[in-house]
Amino acid sequence: ELFTFNDDVGAGLPMWLPNGARLRSKLEHLLYKAHRVRGYEPVRGPEILKSEMWKISGHYANYKENMYFTTIDEQEYGIKPMNCVGHIQIFKNNLVSYKDLPKKLFEYGVVHRHEMSGAMHGLFRVREFTQDDSHIFCTQDQIKEVIFEVLEFVDSLLKMFDFKYEIEVSTKPEKAIGDDIFWEKTTAGIIDALNEKNISYEIDEGGGAFYGPKIDIKILDAIGRKWQCGTVQVDMNLPSRFNAEFINDKGEKEQP
């Protein structure tokens, strides 16, 4: 008796029962501490943002069919399917020095995605869920070390719960933004990092996010099915689109 679904409430919208809510609270407390000891700072963004934000980010053009929208005071808003736009704005709130990087922000962000009815399954694939979602702002030179650090974090957490998992590098999808040079460079960077640490992986051709390639962590369930349960993404697109900047060691503005 951890959670339940109800057709009157809507498909893919889990309701947490007392046992589940208690268990969930314990897991969140454990994960909160795990983030804090690694230097992540807690933040929280709003669950709805003006559609203009989603247009700048590229979600409106590339991910709109997976989002929910509403109108407030004759202004369209989008309910967030991910936390990145809020975190970019939080990063931009203060002037950041290169000495502050990597800057690690994290949030238990409630997100909503319009999943197709046939794709929903238990708590693995739902229309409302909570991400322990982090955004790490760093210099170009720090990318590889950050990837290693996040993979170590993922590995330590999954081992704690005795999960077996596989790694896939997801490459440029059909619907994508950014030029070929960007995609080739960032994909090669991810693969170089994995090769350097002798981490085995498979290639998921065309499985990347519309804004960049990613490393997908796929856990195996009790009967051997694979579920994507974590992802490490390299995103040059959002800092560029939202003009995120830090002051480098020459006193000049640079994009993280």
Protein backbone atom coordinates (compact mmCIF):
# COMPACT_ATOMS: atom_id res chain seq x y z
CA GLU A 1 0.00 0.00 0.00
CA LEU A 2 2.54 2.58 -1.19
CA PHE A 3 0.60 4.39 -3.91
CA THR A 4 -2.58 4.16 -5.96
CA PHE A 5 -4.07 5.39 -9.23
CA ASN A 6 -7.67 6.47 -9.76
CA ASP A 7 -9.40 6.92 -13.13
CA ASP A 8 -11.54 9.69 -11.66
CA VAL A 9 -8.36 11.65 -10.83
CA GLY A 10 -6.64 10.88 -14.15
CA ALA A 11 -4.24 8.42 -15.74
CA GLY A 12 -0.58 8.60 -14.79
CA LEU A 13 -1.21 10.73 -11.69
CA PRO A 14 -0.09 8.71 -8.65
CA MET A 15 -1.50 9.31 -5.18
CA TRP A 16 0.84 8.47 -2.31
CA LEU A 17 -0.70 6.50 0.56
CA PRO A 18 0.64 6.82 4.14
CA ASN A 19 3.16 3.95 3.80
CA GLY A 20 4.42 5.33 0.49
CA ALA A 21 4.59 8.92 1.71
CA ARG A 22 6.66 7.83 4.74
CA LEU A 23 9.01 5.78 2.55
CA ARG A 24 9.30 8.60 0.04
CA SER A 25 10.16 11.08 2.82
CA LYS A 26 12.96 8.80 4.08
CA LEU A 27 14.37 8.42 0.54
CA GLU A 28 14.28 12.18 -0.04
CA HIS A 29 16.05 12.83 3.27
CA LEU A 30 18.77 10.32 2.36
CA LEU A 31 19.19 11.82 -1.13
CA TYR A 32 19.18 15.38 0.22
CA LYS A 33 22.14 14.57 2.47
CA ALA A 34 23.91 12.75 -0.38
CA HIS A 35 23.67 15.90 -2.54
CA ARG A 36 24.73 18.29 0.23
CA VAL A 37 27.90 16.38 1.17
CA ARG A 38 28.91 16.63 -2.50
CA GLY A 39 28.52 20.41 -2.53
CA TYR A 40 25.14 20.73 -4.25
CA GLU A 41 23.05 23.74 -3.22
CA PRO A 42 19.26 23.35 -2.83
CA VAL A 43 17.06 25.61 -4.98
CA ARG A 44 13.42 25.64 -6.07
CA GLY A 45 11.87 26.96 -9.26
CA PRO A 46 8.16 27.56 -9.98
CA GLU A 47 6.03 24.82 -11.54
CA ILE A 48 4.59 27.13 -14.20
CA LEU A 49 6.56 29.64 -16.27
CA LYS A 50 5.52 32.04 -19.02
CA SER A 51 5.51 30.41 -22.45
CA GLU A 52 8.09 32.95 -23.59
CA MET A 53 10.62 31.09 -21.41
CA TRP A 54 9.80 27.80 -23.16
CA LYS A 55 10.11 29.52 -26.55
CA ILE A 56 13.60 30.80 -25.72
CA SER A 57 14.65 27.39 -24.39
CA GLY A 58 13.45 25.57 -27.51
CA HIS A 59 10.91 23.41 -25.67
CA TYR A 60 7.98 25.20 -27.31
CA ALA A 61 9.17 24.29 -30.80
CA ASN A 62 10.59 20.86 -29.98
CA TYR A 63 8.76 19.47 -26.95
CA LYS A 64 5.37 21.23 -26.93
CA GLU A 65 3.33 18.06 -27.54
CA ASN A 66 4.68 16.69 -24.23
CA MET A 67 3.71 19.79 -22.22
CA TYR A 68 0.56 21.22 -20.61
CA PHE A 69 -0.38 24.89 -21.02
CA THR A 70 -2.75 27.31 -19.31
CA THR A 71 -3.66 30.98 -19.68
CA ILE A 72 -3.44 33.50 -16.83
CA ASP A 73 -4.37 37.18 -17.38
CA GLU A 74 -4.41 36.57 -21.13
CA GLN A 75 -0.80 35.34 -20.94
CA GLU A 76 0.09 31.73 -21.85
CA TYR A 77 2.06 29.72 -19.30
CA GLY A 78 3.62 26.25 -19.59
CA ILE A 79 3.70 23.73 -16.73
CA LYS A 80 7.32 22.63 -16.47
CA PRO A 81 8.30 19.21 -17.87
CA MET A 82 11.83 19.71 -16.46
CA ASN A 83 13.64 22.09 -14.13
CA CYS A 84 16.37 23.51 -16.36
CA VAL A 85 14.80 26.88 -17.22
CA GLY A 86 14.19 27.75 -13.55
CA HIS A 87 17.75 26.75 -12.63
CA ILE A 88 19.24 28.89 -15.43
CA GLN A 89 17.36 31.91 -14.07
CA ILE A 90 18.53 31.14 -10.52
CA PHE A 91 22.14 30.92 -11.76
CA LYS A 92 21.73 34.29 -13.51
CA ASN A 93 20.34 35.94 -10.35
CA ASN A 94 23.85 36.76 -9.06
CA LEU A 95 27.15 37.58 -10.74
CA VAL A 96 29.23 34.39 -10.70
CA SER A 97 33.03 34.21 -10.72
CA TYR A 98 35.10 31.39 -12.23
CA LYS A 99 36.19 30.73 -8.62
CA ASP A 100 32.57 29.66 -7.86
CA LEU A 101 32.59 26.97 -10.59
CA PRO A 102 31.55 24.24 -10.83
CA LYS A 103 28.32 25.60 -9.31
CA LYS A 104 25.96 22.74 -8.45
CA LEU A 105 22.24 23.39 -7.99
CA PHE A 106 19.65 20.71 -7.18
CA GLU A 107 15.91 20.48 -6.63
CA TYR A 108 13.20 17.93 -5.97
CA GLY A 109 11.23 19.34 -8.89
CA VAL A 110 7.67 18.22 -9.53
CA VAL A 111 7.27 17.98 -13.32
CA HIS A 112 4.41 17.13 -15.67
CA ARG A 113 4.71 15.45 -19.07
CA HIS A 114 1.98 14.45 -21.48
CA GLU A 115 2.91 10.79 -21.87
CA MET A 116 0.85 8.69 -24.27
CA SER A 117 -1.66 6.38 -22.55
CA GLY A 118 0.04 3.24 -23.85
CA ALA A 119 3.47 4.32 -22.56
CA MET A 120 2.50 4.64 -18.89
CA HIS A 121 3.58 1.92 -16.50
CA GLY A 122 3.47 1.88 -12.68
CA LEU A 123 5.71 4.61 -11.26
CA PHE A 124 8.29 4.16 -14.02
CA ARG A 125 6.36 6.16 -16.61
CA VAL A 126 3.75 8.63 -15.34
CA ARG A 127 2.42 12.11 -16.15
CA GLU A 128 3.46 13.68 -12.85
CA PHE A 129 6.69 12.81 -11.08
CA THR A 130 9.48 14.34 -9.02
CA GLN A 131 13.04 14.60 -10.29
CA ASP A 132 16.03 14.93 -8.00
CA ASP A 133 17.31 17.19 -10.73
CA SER A 134 20.67 18.93 -10.74
CA HIS A 135 22.30 21.50 -12.98
CA ILE A 136 26.05 21.92 -12.78
CA PHE A 137 27.45 25.11 -14.28
CA CYS A 138 31.10 24.69 -15.17
CA THR A 139 33.86 25.75 -17.57
CA GLN A 140 34.69 23.79 -20.74
CA ASP A 141 37.81 22.45 -19.00
CA GLN A 142 35.78 21.06 -16.10
CA ILE A 143 33.24 19.04 -18.16
CA LYS A 144 35.10 15.73 -18.09
CA GLU A 145 35.74 15.81 -14.33
CA VAL A 146 32.12 16.76 -13.69
CA ILE A 147 30.93 13.79 -15.80
CA PHE A 148 33.19 11.45 -13.78
CA GLU A 149 31.90 12.89 -10.51
CA VAL A 150 28.22 12.52 -11.49
CA LEU A 151 28.74 8.93 -12.70
CA GLU A 152 30.40 8.09 -9.37
CA PHE A 153 27.42 9.67 -7.56
CA VAL A 154 24.95 7.64 -9.64
CA ASP A 155 26.93 4.44 -9.10
CA SER A 156 27.08 4.91 -5.32
CA LEU A 157 23.32 5.51 -5.08
CA LEU A 158 22.31 2.59 -7.31
CA LYS A 159 24.67 0.24 -5.46
CA MET A 160 23.08 1.34 -2.18
CA PHE A 161 19.79 -0.11 -3.44
CA ASP A 162 21.46 -3.06 -5.20
CA PHE A 163 20.31 -1.97 -8.67
CA LYS A 164 22.02 -3.44 -11.72
CA TYR A 165 22.29 -0.92 -14.53
CA GLU A 166 23.61 -0.33 -18.04
CA ILE A 167 24.93 2.84 -19.68
CA GLU A 168 23.99 4.15 -23.12
CA VAL A 169 25.26 7.20 -24.99
CA SER A 170 22.26 8.80 -26.70
CA THR A 171 23.11 10.72 -29.87
CA LYS A 172 21.45 13.45 -31.96
CA PRO A 173 17.70 12.89 -32.47
CA GLU A 174 15.74 13.78 -35.60
CA LYS A 175 14.27 16.86 -33.87
CA ALA A 176 17.29 18.79 -32.61
CA ILE A 177 18.73 22.27 -32.22
CA GLY A 178 22.35 23.31 -32.63
CA ASP A 179 24.71 22.69 -35.55
CA ASP A 180 26.48 19.43 -36.42
CA ILE A 181 29.82 20.69 -35.03
CA PHE A 182 28.24 21.17 -31.59
CA TRP A 183 26.71 17.68 -31.64
CA GLU A 184 29.90 15.99 -32.87
CA LYS A 185 32.07 17.81 -30.34
CA THR A 186 29.87 17.17 -27.30
CA THR A 187 29.15 13.54 -28.24
CA ALA A 188 32.87 12.89 -28.75
CA GLY A 189 33.59 14.53 -25.37
CA ILE A 190 31.15 12.20 -23.59
CA ILE A 191 32.56 9.10 -25.32
CA ASP A 192 36.16 10.17 -24.57
CA ALA A 193 35.28 10.56 -20.88
CA LEU A 194 33.71 7.08 -20.71
CA ASN A 195 36.62 5.51 -22.61
CA GLU A 196 39.16 7.17 -20.33
CA LYS A 197 37.61 5.46 -17.29
CA ASN A 198 37.04 2.17 -19.16
CA ILE A 199 33.30 2.45 -18.54
CA SER A 200 31.38 0.13 -20.87
CA TYR A 201 28.46 1.61 -22.80
CA GLU A 202 26.24 1.09 -25.81
CA ILE A 203 25.13 3.70 -28.36
CA ASP A 204 21.46 4.70 -28.56
CA GLU A 205 21.41 6.22 -32.04
CA GLY A 206 19.06 9.22 -32.16
CA GLY A 207 18.06 8.91 -28.49
CA GLY A 208 19.51 12.24 -27.31
CA ALA A 209 17.57 15.21 -25.94
CA PHE A 210 16.68 17.82 -28.56
CA TYR A 211 19.29 20.16 -27.01
CA GLY A 212 22.22 17.79 -26.58
CA PRO A 213 23.66 14.28 -26.30
CA LYS A 214 23.41 12.40 -23.01
CA ILE A 215 24.49 9.42 -20.98
CA ASP A 216 21.43 7.37 -20.02
CA ILE A 217 21.52 5.19 -16.93
CA LYS A 218 19.13 2.27 -17.47
CA ILE A 219 18.28 0.13 -14.47
CA LEU A 220 17.07 -3.45 -14.73
CA ASP A 221 13.83 -4.34 -12.97
CA ALA A 222 12.97 -7.64 -11.26
CA ILE A 223 12.18 -9.37 -14.58
CA GLY A 224 15.10 -7.88 -16.55
CA ARG A 225 13.39 -5.00 -18.35
CA LYS A 226 15.43 -1.81 -18.87
CA TRP A 227 14.14 1.56 -17.61
CA GLN A 228 15.88 4.90 -17.97
CA CYS A 229 16.21 6.09 -14.39
CA GLY A 230 18.90 8.72 -14.61
CA THR A 231 20.69 10.80 -17.21
CA VAL A 232 23.82 12.93 -17.51
CA GLN A 233 23.49 15.61 -20.17
CA VAL A 234 25.90 18.13 -21.65
CA ASP A 235 23.91 21.26 -22.47
CA MET A 236 25.63 24.17 -24.23
CA ASN A 237 22.30 25.30 -25.68
CA LEU A 238 20.45 26.76 -22.68
CA PRO A 239 23.35 28.87 -21.34
CA SER A 240 23.68 30.30 -24.85
CA ARG A 241 19.95 30.97 -25.34
CA PHE A 242 19.52 32.58 -21.93
CA ASN A 243 22.85 34.46 -22.00
CA ALA A 244 24.13 32.84 -18.82
CA GLU A 245 27.60 34.16 -17.99
CA PHE A 246 30.37 34.03 -15.43
CA ILE A 247 33.44 36.26 -15.00
CA ASN A 248 36.57 34.36 -16.07
CA ASP A 249 40.12 34.75 -14.72
CA LYS A 250 40.77 37.56 -17.20
CA GLY A 251 37.83 39.56 -15.84
CA GLU A 252 35.81 38.88 -19.02
CA LYS A 253 32.33 37.42 -19.41
CA GLU A 254 32.25 33.80 -20.56
CA GLN A 255 29.47 31.26 -21.14
CA PRO A 256 29.34 28.30 -18.74
